[in-house]
Amino acid sequence: MAALSGGREQGQVDFSTLGLRWGWDLRANGQQTAWLRLHGALGRRFASGDRQPQATLNWRGGEAFTISGLAVAKQTTVAALGVTARVSRNGLLYFGYEGTFAHQLRDQSLQVRGSLRF
């Protein structure tokens, strides 16, 4: 038997985002498919519901206590920018940036992906 136990906790956070997405294909004259695609997004994300996760636990034979997790920001700004290049007839290479920003919060990532259709 475990020394630490807790009841089943359940929470729900709902997200909605309002913003713009854009994409621009670059083609040479007479090309059917684009060899380079620039794309991005900018928006505002809103969170509602159980934004502050909590759990009530207790040590075997001890008093119950409550712990809290990191709160989900109520409003954040989200941004993305990417480039997808056609490297062969069936191959794509993607370079991208995504960021989420709020008061005392920054979450940023760079991504590189390759894909090959066969």
C-alpha atoms as a PDB file:
ATOM      1  CA  MET A   1       0.000   0.000   0.000  1.00  0.00           C
ATOM      2  CA  ALA A   2       1.268   3.448  -0.923  1.00  0.00           C
ATOM      3  CA  ALA A   3       2.167   5.934   1.783  1.00  0.00           C
ATOM      4  CA  LEU A   4       0.623   8.819  -0.186  1.00  0.00           C
ATOM      5  CA  SER A   5      -2.947   8.685  -1.451  1.00  0.00           C
ATOM      6  CA  GLY A   6      -5.548  10.980  -2.897  1.00  0.00           C
ATOM      7  CA  GLY A   7      -9.020  10.925  -4.325  1.00  0.00           C
ATOM      8  CA  ARG A   8      -9.857  11.200  -7.972  1.00  0.00           C
ATOM      9  CA  GLU A   9      -9.751  14.833  -9.080  1.00  0.00           C
ATOM     10  CA  GLN A  10     -11.256  16.226 -12.256  1.00  0.00           C
ATOM     11  CA  GLY A  11     -10.997  19.635 -13.856  1.00  0.00           C
ATOM     12  CA  GLN A  12     -11.769  21.191 -17.194  1.00  0.00           C
ATOM     13  CA  VAL A  13     -10.239  24.180 -18.941  1.00  0.00           C
ATOM     14  CA  ASP A  14     -11.841  25.582 -22.086  1.00  0.00           C
ATOM     15  CA  PHE A  15      -9.806  27.530 -24.652  1.00  0.00           C
ATOM     16  CA  SER A  16     -10.933  29.800 -27.470  1.00  0.00           C
ATOM     17  CA  THR A  17      -8.705  31.758 -29.854  1.00  0.00           C
ATOM     18  CA  LEU A  18      -9.481  34.818 -31.936  1.00  0.00           C
ATOM     19  CA  GLY A  19      -6.965  35.845 -34.557  1.00  0.00           C
ATOM     20  CA  LEU A  20      -5.649  35.712 -38.090  1.00  0.00           C
ATOM     21  CA  ARG A  21      -3.895  33.022 -40.109  1.00  0.00           C
ATOM     22  CA  TRP A  22      -2.187  33.635 -43.413  1.00  0.00           C
ATOM     23  CA  GLY A  23      -0.293  31.728 -46.067  1.00  0.00           C
ATOM     24  CA  TRP A  24       1.563  32.692 -49.217  1.00  0.00           C
ATOM     25  CA  ASP A  25       2.701  30.254 -51.918  1.00  0.00           C
ATOM     26  CA  LEU A  26       5.689  31.058 -54.123  1.00  0.00           C
ATOM     27  CA  ARG A  27       5.616  29.537 -57.605  1.00  0.00           C
ATOM     28  CA  ALA A  28       7.705  29.942 -60.710  1.00  0.00           C
ATOM     29  CA  ASN A  29       5.935  30.639 -63.983  1.00  0.00           C
ATOM     30  CA  GLY A  30       4.087  27.548 -65.172  1.00  0.00           C
ATOM     31  CA  GLN A  31       4.509  25.594 -61.922  1.00  0.00           C
ATOM     32  CA  GLN A  32       1.465  23.712 -60.635  1.00  0.00           C
ATOM     33  CA  THR A  33       2.667  23.398 -57.041  1.00  0.00           C
ATOM     34  CA  ALA A  34       4.497  25.946 -54.933  1.00  0.00           C
ATOM     35  CA  TRP A  35       8.149  25.323 -54.135  1.00  0.00           C
ATOM     36  CA  LEU A  36       8.001  27.535 -51.019  1.00  0.00           C
ATOM     37  CA  ARG A  37       5.149  28.377 -48.650  1.00  0.00           C
ATOM     38  CA  LEU A  38       5.316  31.120 -46.008  1.00  0.00           C
ATOM     39  CA  HIS A  39       2.644  30.943 -43.304  1.00  0.00           C
ATOM     40  CA  GLY A  40       1.874  32.391 -39.920  1.00  0.00           C
ATOM     41  CA  ALA A  41      -0.711  33.256 -37.323  1.00  0.00           C
ATOM     42  CA  LEU A  42      -1.332  35.873 -34.662  1.00  0.00           C
ATOM     43  CA  GLY A  43      -4.121  35.711 -32.121  1.00  0.00           C
ATOM     44  CA  ARG A  44      -5.432  36.095 -28.607  1.00  0.00           C
ATOM     45  CA  ARG A  45      -6.287  32.939 -26.631  1.00  0.00           C
ATOM     46  CA  PHE A  46      -8.808  32.966 -23.787  1.00  0.00           C
ATOM     47  CA  ALA A  47      -9.040  30.323 -21.045  1.00  0.00           C
ATOM     48  CA  SER A  48     -11.988  29.645 -18.758  1.00  0.00           C
ATOM     49  CA  GLY A  49     -12.987  26.953 -16.303  1.00  0.00           C
ATOM     50  CA  ASP A  50     -10.690  25.306 -13.763  1.00  0.00           C
ATOM     51  CA  ARG A  51      -7.607  27.404 -14.486  1.00  0.00           C
ATOM     52  CA  GLN A  52      -5.978  26.622 -11.106  1.00  0.00           C
ATOM     53  CA  PRO A  53      -5.457  22.842 -10.763  1.00  0.00           C
ATOM     54  CA  GLN A  54      -5.621  21.461  -7.213  1.00  0.00           C
ATOM     55  CA  ALA A  55      -5.472  18.039  -5.587  1.00  0.00           C
ATOM     56  CA  THR A  56      -6.170  16.922  -2.022  1.00  0.00           C
ATOM     57  CA  LEU A  57      -3.751  14.251  -0.747  1.00  0.00           C
ATOM     58  CA  ASN A  58      -2.807  12.653   2.519  1.00  0.00           C
ATOM     59  CA  TRP A  59      -0.013  10.553   3.950  1.00  0.00           C
ATOM     60  CA  ARG A  60      -1.103   7.266   5.474  1.00  0.00           C
ATOM     61  CA  GLY A  61      -2.430   8.073   8.934  1.00  0.00           C
ATOM     62  CA  GLY A  62      -1.950  11.831   8.475  1.00  0.00           C
ATOM     63  CA  GLU A  63      -4.036  14.912   7.864  1.00  0.00           C
ATOM     64  CA  ALA A  64      -5.240  15.780   4.358  1.00  0.00           C
ATOM     65  CA  PHE A  65      -3.524  18.641   2.545  1.00  0.00           C
ATOM     66  CA  THR A  66      -4.127  20.450  -0.746  1.00  0.00           C
ATOM     67  CA  ILE A  67      -1.516  21.150  -3.407  1.00  0.00           C
ATOM     68  CA  SER A  68      -1.943  23.552  -6.323  1.00  0.00           C
ATOM     69  CA  GLY A  69      -0.402  23.452  -9.776  1.00  0.00           C
ATOM     70  CA  LEU A  70       0.625  26.298 -12.038  1.00  0.00           C
ATOM     71  CA  ALA A  71      -2.383  28.408 -13.023  1.00  0.00           C
ATOM     72  CA  VAL A  72      -3.378  28.614 -16.688  1.00  0.00           C
ATOM     73  CA  ALA A  73      -3.227  32.219 -17.922  1.00  0.00           C
ATOM     74  CA  LYS A  74      -6.635  33.785 -18.544  1.00  0.00           C
ATOM     75  CA  GLN A  75      -5.480  35.582 -21.727  1.00  0.00           C
ATOM     76  CA  THR A  76      -2.410  34.937 -23.865  1.00  0.00           C
ATOM     77  CA  THR A  77      -1.063  36.162 -27.168  1.00  0.00           C
ATOM     78  CA  VAL A  78      -0.148  33.392 -29.597  1.00  0.00           C
ATOM     79  CA  ALA A  79       2.112  33.759 -32.634  1.00  0.00           C
ATOM     80  CA  ALA A  80       3.436  31.392 -35.280  1.00  0.00           C
ATOM     81  CA  LEU A  81       5.669  31.790 -38.307  1.00  0.00           C
ATOM     82  CA  GLY A  82       6.801  29.053 -40.651  1.00  0.00           C
ATOM     83  CA  VAL A  83       8.411  28.207 -43.983  1.00  0.00           C
ATOM     84  CA  THR A  84       7.726  24.993 -45.868  1.00  0.00           C
ATOM     85  CA  ALA A  85      10.049  24.169 -48.768  1.00  0.00           C
ATOM     86  CA  ARG A  86       9.551  21.499 -51.419  1.00  0.00           C
ATOM     87  CA  VAL A  87      12.914  19.723 -51.562  1.00  0.00           C
ATOM     88  CA  SER A  88      11.871  17.064 -54.070  1.00  0.00           C
ATOM     89  CA  ARG A  89       8.744  15.894 -55.883  1.00  0.00           C
ATOM     90  CA  ASN A  90       7.534  14.076 -52.748  1.00  0.00           C
ATOM     91  CA  GLY A  91       9.602  15.723 -50.024  1.00  0.00           C
ATOM     92  CA  LEU A  92       8.882  18.731 -47.800  1.00  0.00           C
ATOM     93  CA  LEU A  93      11.026  20.475 -45.193  1.00  0.00           C
ATOM     94  CA  TYR A  94       9.379  22.705 -42.569  1.00  0.00           C
ATOM     95  CA  PHE A  95      11.030  25.311 -40.318  1.00  0.00           C
ATOM     96  CA  GLY A  96       8.769  27.026 -37.798  1.00  0.00           C
ATOM     97  CA  TYR A  97       8.466  29.156 -34.692  1.00  0.00           C
ATOM     98  CA  GLU A  98       5.593  29.188 -32.206  1.00  0.00           C
ATOM     99  CA  GLY A  99       5.230  31.418 -29.167  1.00  0.00           C
ATOM    100  CA  THR A 100       2.731  32.027 -26.380  1.00  0.00           C
ATOM    101  CA  PHE A 101       3.018  35.180 -24.280  1.00  0.00           C
ATOM    102  CA  ALA A 102       1.183  36.440 -21.180  1.00  0.00           C
ATOM    103  CA  HIS A 103       2.022  38.306 -17.983  1.00  0.00           C
ATOM    104  CA  GLN A 104       5.031  36.451 -16.478  1.00  0.00           C
ATOM    105  CA  LEU A 105       4.712  33.675 -19.091  1.00  0.00           C
ATOM    106  CA  ARG A 106       6.698  32.892 -22.218  1.00  0.00           C
ATOM    107  CA  ASP A 107       6.549  29.586 -24.057  1.00  0.00           C
ATOM    108  CA  GLN A 108       8.537  29.484 -27.287  1.00  0.00           C
ATOM    109  CA  SER A 109       9.568  26.694 -29.624  1.00  0.00           C
ATOM    110  CA  LEU A 110      11.466  26.169 -32.845  1.00  0.00           C
ATOM    111  CA  GLN A 111      10.523  23.207 -35.010  1.00  0.00           C
ATOM    112  CA  VAL A 112      12.107  21.405 -37.939  1.00  0.00           C
ATOM    113  CA  ARG A 113      10.165  18.642 -39.699  1.00  0.00           C
ATOM    114  CA  GLY A 114      10.753  16.646 -42.815  1.00  0.00           C
ATOM    115  CA  SER A 115       8.191  14.574 -44.681  1.00  0.00           C
ATOM    116  CA  LEU A 116       8.371  12.194 -47.600  1.00  0.00           C
ATOM    117  CA  ARG A 117       5.299  10.868 -49.424  1.00  0.00           C
ATOM    118  CA  PHE A 118       5.470   7.429 -50.943  1.00  0.00           C
END
